[in-house]
N, C-alpha and C. Protein backbone atom coordinates (compact mmCIF):
# COMPACT_ATOMS: atom_id res chain seq x y z
N MET A 1 3.70 1.00 10.31
CA MET A 1 2.77 0.53 9.96
C MET A 1 2.34 -0.54 10.32
N LYS A 2 0.75 -0.65 10.30
CA LYS A 2 0.15 -2.11 10.97
C LYS A 2 -1.01 -2.36 9.91
N LEU A 3 -1.48 -3.67 10.08
CA LEU A 3 -2.77 -3.68 9.35
C LEU A 3 -4.14 -2.92 9.82
N GLY A 4 -4.78 -2.49 9.10
CA GLY A 4 -5.69 -1.40 9.03
C GLY A 4 -5.36 -0.30 8.79
N ASP A 5 -4.31 0.32 8.86
CA ASP A 5 -3.94 1.72 8.62
C ASP A 5 -4.24 2.20 7.05
N MET A 6 -4.64 3.50 7.17
CA MET A 6 -4.86 3.78 6.16
C MET A 6 -3.54 4.53 5.43
N VAL A 7 -3.24 4.58 3.87
CA VAL A 7 -1.94 4.88 3.44
C VAL A 7 -2.56 5.60 2.02
N LYS A 8 -1.31 6.17 1.67
CA LYS A 8 -1.47 6.32 0.15
C LYS A 8 0.22 6.31 -0.15
N ALA A 9 0.09 5.72 -1.84
CA ALA A 9 1.53 5.51 -2.35
C ALA A 9 2.03 7.42 -2.58
N LYS A 10 3.49 7.38 -2.41
CA LYS A 10 4.45 8.24 -2.28
C LYS A 10 4.63 8.27 -4.12
N PRO A 11 4.73 9.33 -4.33
CA PRO A 11 4.95 9.92 -5.78
C PRO A 11 5.96 8.88 -6.27
N GLY A 12 6.31 8.81 -7.51
CA GLY A 12 7.03 7.80 -8.12
C GLY A 12 7.42 6.55 -7.78
N THR A 13 6.16 6.01 -6.98
CA THR A 13 6.41 4.22 -6.26
C THR A 13 5.43 3.30 -7.16
N ALA A 14 4.55 3.90 -7.81
CA ALA A 14 3.81 3.29 -8.91
C ALA A 14 3.79 3.76 -10.19
N GLU A 15 3.33 2.68 -11.06
CA GLU A 15 3.15 3.16 -12.52
C GLU A 15 1.98 4.15 -12.59
N GLY A 16 2.09 5.32 -13.44
CA GLY A 16 0.92 6.06 -13.61
C GLY A 16 1.02 7.02 -12.17
N ASP A 17 -0.16 7.75 -12.32
CA ASP A 17 -0.36 8.70 -11.23
C ASP A 17 -0.80 8.14 -9.72
N VAL A 18 0.01 8.35 -9.03
CA VAL A 18 -0.60 7.47 -7.86
C VAL A 18 -1.72 8.19 -6.92
N GLU A 19 -2.01 9.63 -7.65
CA GLU A 19 -3.45 10.29 -6.83
C GLU A 19 -4.27 9.54 -7.30
N LYS A 20 -4.67 8.94 -8.48
CA LYS A 20 -5.63 8.36 -8.98
C LYS A 20 -6.02 7.07 -7.72
N LEU A 21 -4.88 6.21 -7.58
CA LEU A 21 -5.03 5.54 -6.56
C LEU A 21 -6.05 5.86 -5.34
N GLY A 22 -5.64 6.87 -4.91
CA GLY A 22 -6.37 7.30 -3.66
C GLY A 22 -5.79 6.95 -2.48
N VAL A 23 -6.53 6.48 -1.62
CA VAL A 23 -6.24 6.00 -0.30
C VAL A 23 -6.35 4.71 -0.21
N GLY A 24 -5.83 3.99 0.21
CA GLY A 24 -5.64 2.23 0.49
C GLY A 24 -5.53 1.94 2.09
N ILE A 25 -5.79 0.98 1.98
CA ILE A 25 -5.72 0.13 3.54
C ILE A 25 -4.82 -1.38 3.51
N ILE A 26 -4.25 -1.27 4.38
CA ILE A 26 -3.40 -2.51 4.80
C ILE A 26 -4.07 -3.38 5.20
N VAL A 27 -4.21 -4.46 4.26
CA VAL A 27 -5.18 -5.73 4.63
C VAL A 27 -4.08 -6.99 4.96
N ARG A 28 -2.82 -6.85 4.75
CA ARG A 28 -1.98 -8.25 4.98
C ARG A 28 -0.45 -7.34 5.11
N GLU A 29 0.23 -8.23 6.12
CA GLU A 29 1.61 -8.08 5.94
C GLU A 29 2.52 -9.01 5.96
N ASP A 30 3.47 -9.19 5.38
CA ASP A 30 4.61 -10.65 5.37
C ASP A 30 5.97 -10.18 5.07
N THR A 31 6.98 -11.00 5.13
CA THR A 31 8.18 -10.41 4.78
C THR A 31 8.69 -11.30 3.03
N ASP A 32 9.11 -10.85 2.43
CA ASP A 32 9.71 -11.16 1.04
C ASP A 32 10.57 -12.16 1.21
N VAL A 33 11.15 -12.79 0.10
CA VAL A 33 12.29 -13.61 0.44
C VAL A 33 13.74 -13.12 0.79
N ILE A 34 13.80 -12.02 0.75
CA ILE A 34 15.19 -11.46 1.21
C ILE A 34 14.99 -10.76 2.77
N GLY A 35 13.93 -10.94 3.20
CA GLY A 35 13.50 -10.77 4.70
C GLY A 35 13.15 -9.11 4.49
N MET A 36 12.61 -8.27 3.97
CA MET A 36 12.04 -6.76 3.83
C MET A 36 10.66 -7.23 4.19
N LYS A 37 10.26 -6.35 5.14
CA LYS A 37 8.73 -6.29 5.31
C LYS A 37 7.89 -5.55 4.11
N ARG A 38 6.83 -6.39 3.83
CA ARG A 38 6.19 -6.27 2.90
C ARG A 38 4.61 -5.71 3.21
N PHE A 39 3.86 -4.84 2.82
CA PHE A 39 2.59 -4.84 3.08
C PHE A 39 1.49 -4.78 1.80
N TRP A 40 0.50 -5.29 1.83
CA TRP A 40 -0.35 -5.68 0.98
C TRP A 40 -1.66 -4.73 1.16
N VAL A 41 -1.60 -3.50 0.20
CA VAL A 41 -2.59 -2.69 0.26
C VAL A 41 -3.83 -2.99 -0.79
N LYS A 42 -5.24 -2.52 0.04
CA LYS A 42 -6.14 -2.59 -0.99
C LYS A 42 -6.50 -1.15 -1.38
N TRP A 43 -6.67 -0.63 -2.25
CA TRP A 43 -6.79 0.74 -2.77
C TRP A 43 -8.28 0.76 -2.87
N LEU A 44 -8.82 1.70 -2.11
CA LEU A 44 -10.25 2.13 -1.96
C LEU A 44 -10.93 2.56 -3.58
N ASN A 45 -10.26 3.19 -4.48
CA ASN A 45 -10.72 3.64 -5.71
C ASN A 45 -10.67 2.56 -6.60
N PHE A 46 -10.46 1.23 -6.20
CA PHE A 46 -10.18 0.48 -7.33
C PHE A 46 -11.14 -1.03 -6.38
N THR A 47 -12.19 -1.10 -6.51
CA THR A 47 -13.04 -1.92 -5.80
C THR A 47 -13.21 -3.25 -6.28
N ASN A 48 -12.82 -3.75 -7.51
CA ASN A 48 -12.47 -5.06 -7.63
C ASN A 48 -11.21 -5.52 -7.84
N GLY A 49 -10.21 -4.56 -7.56
CA GLY A 49 -8.64 -4.97 -7.81
C GLY A 49 -8.18 -5.63 -6.58
N LYS A 50 -7.18 -6.55 -6.96
CA LYS A 50 -6.47 -7.44 -5.96
C LYS A 50 -5.56 -6.71 -4.96
N PRO A 51 -5.34 -6.94 -3.65
CA PRO A 51 -4.41 -6.11 -3.00
C PRO A 51 -2.83 -6.10 -3.74
N TRP A 52 -2.39 -4.64 -3.48
CA TRP A 52 -0.78 -4.72 -4.17
C TRP A 52 -0.04 -4.79 -2.86
N ALA A 53 1.11 -5.37 -3.47
CA ALA A 53 2.09 -5.56 -2.22
C ALA A 53 3.32 -4.26 -2.46
N ARG A 54 3.48 -3.68 -1.35
CA ARG A 54 4.05 -2.41 -1.30
C ARG A 54 5.23 -2.42 -0.33
N TYR A 55 6.19 -1.85 -0.01
CA TYR A 55 7.19 -1.87 1.02
C TYR A 55 7.01 -0.63 1.71
N GLU A 56 7.39 -0.63 2.71
CA GLU A 56 6.95 0.59 3.87
C GLU A 56 7.63 1.80 2.89
N ASP A 57 8.59 1.80 2.49
CA ASP A 57 9.20 3.08 2.25
C ASP A 57 8.43 3.59 0.91
N ASP A 58 7.42 2.71 0.05
CA ASP A 58 6.68 3.18 -0.86
C ASP A 58 5.39 4.13 -0.23
N LEU A 59 5.01 3.91 0.60
CA LEU A 59 3.70 4.53 1.44
C LEU A 59 3.94 5.62 2.32
N GLU A 60 3.15 6.32 2.36
CA GLU A 60 2.71 7.55 3.44
C GLU A 60 1.58 6.92 4.08
N LEU A 61 1.80 7.10 5.63
CA LEU A 61 0.72 6.89 6.49
C LEU A 61 -0.19 8.07 6.78
N ILE A 62 -1.66 7.73 6.58
CA ILE A 62 -2.39 8.51 6.53
C ILE A 62 -3.15 8.80 7.80
N LYS A 63 -3.57 7.78 8.47
CA LYS A 63 -4.25 7.56 9.84
C LYS A 63 -4.17 6.27 10.44
N SER A 64 -3.64 6.11 11.46
CA SER A 64 -3.37 4.67 11.90
C SER A 64 -4.35 4.33 12.66
């Protein structure tokens, strides 16, 4: 996964119904304090929300 990719959350990786999140776009990537790669996702259904930090295992790639 990389910046600009379209993703969705895998079931069980977010509080509540992940289908309500819809599709997101990776807007930033970094590494956490223990060295794991982290992606910041801007969810398109939440236009006023801040990007959420998610790990690659939490996301499903829709379109690269």
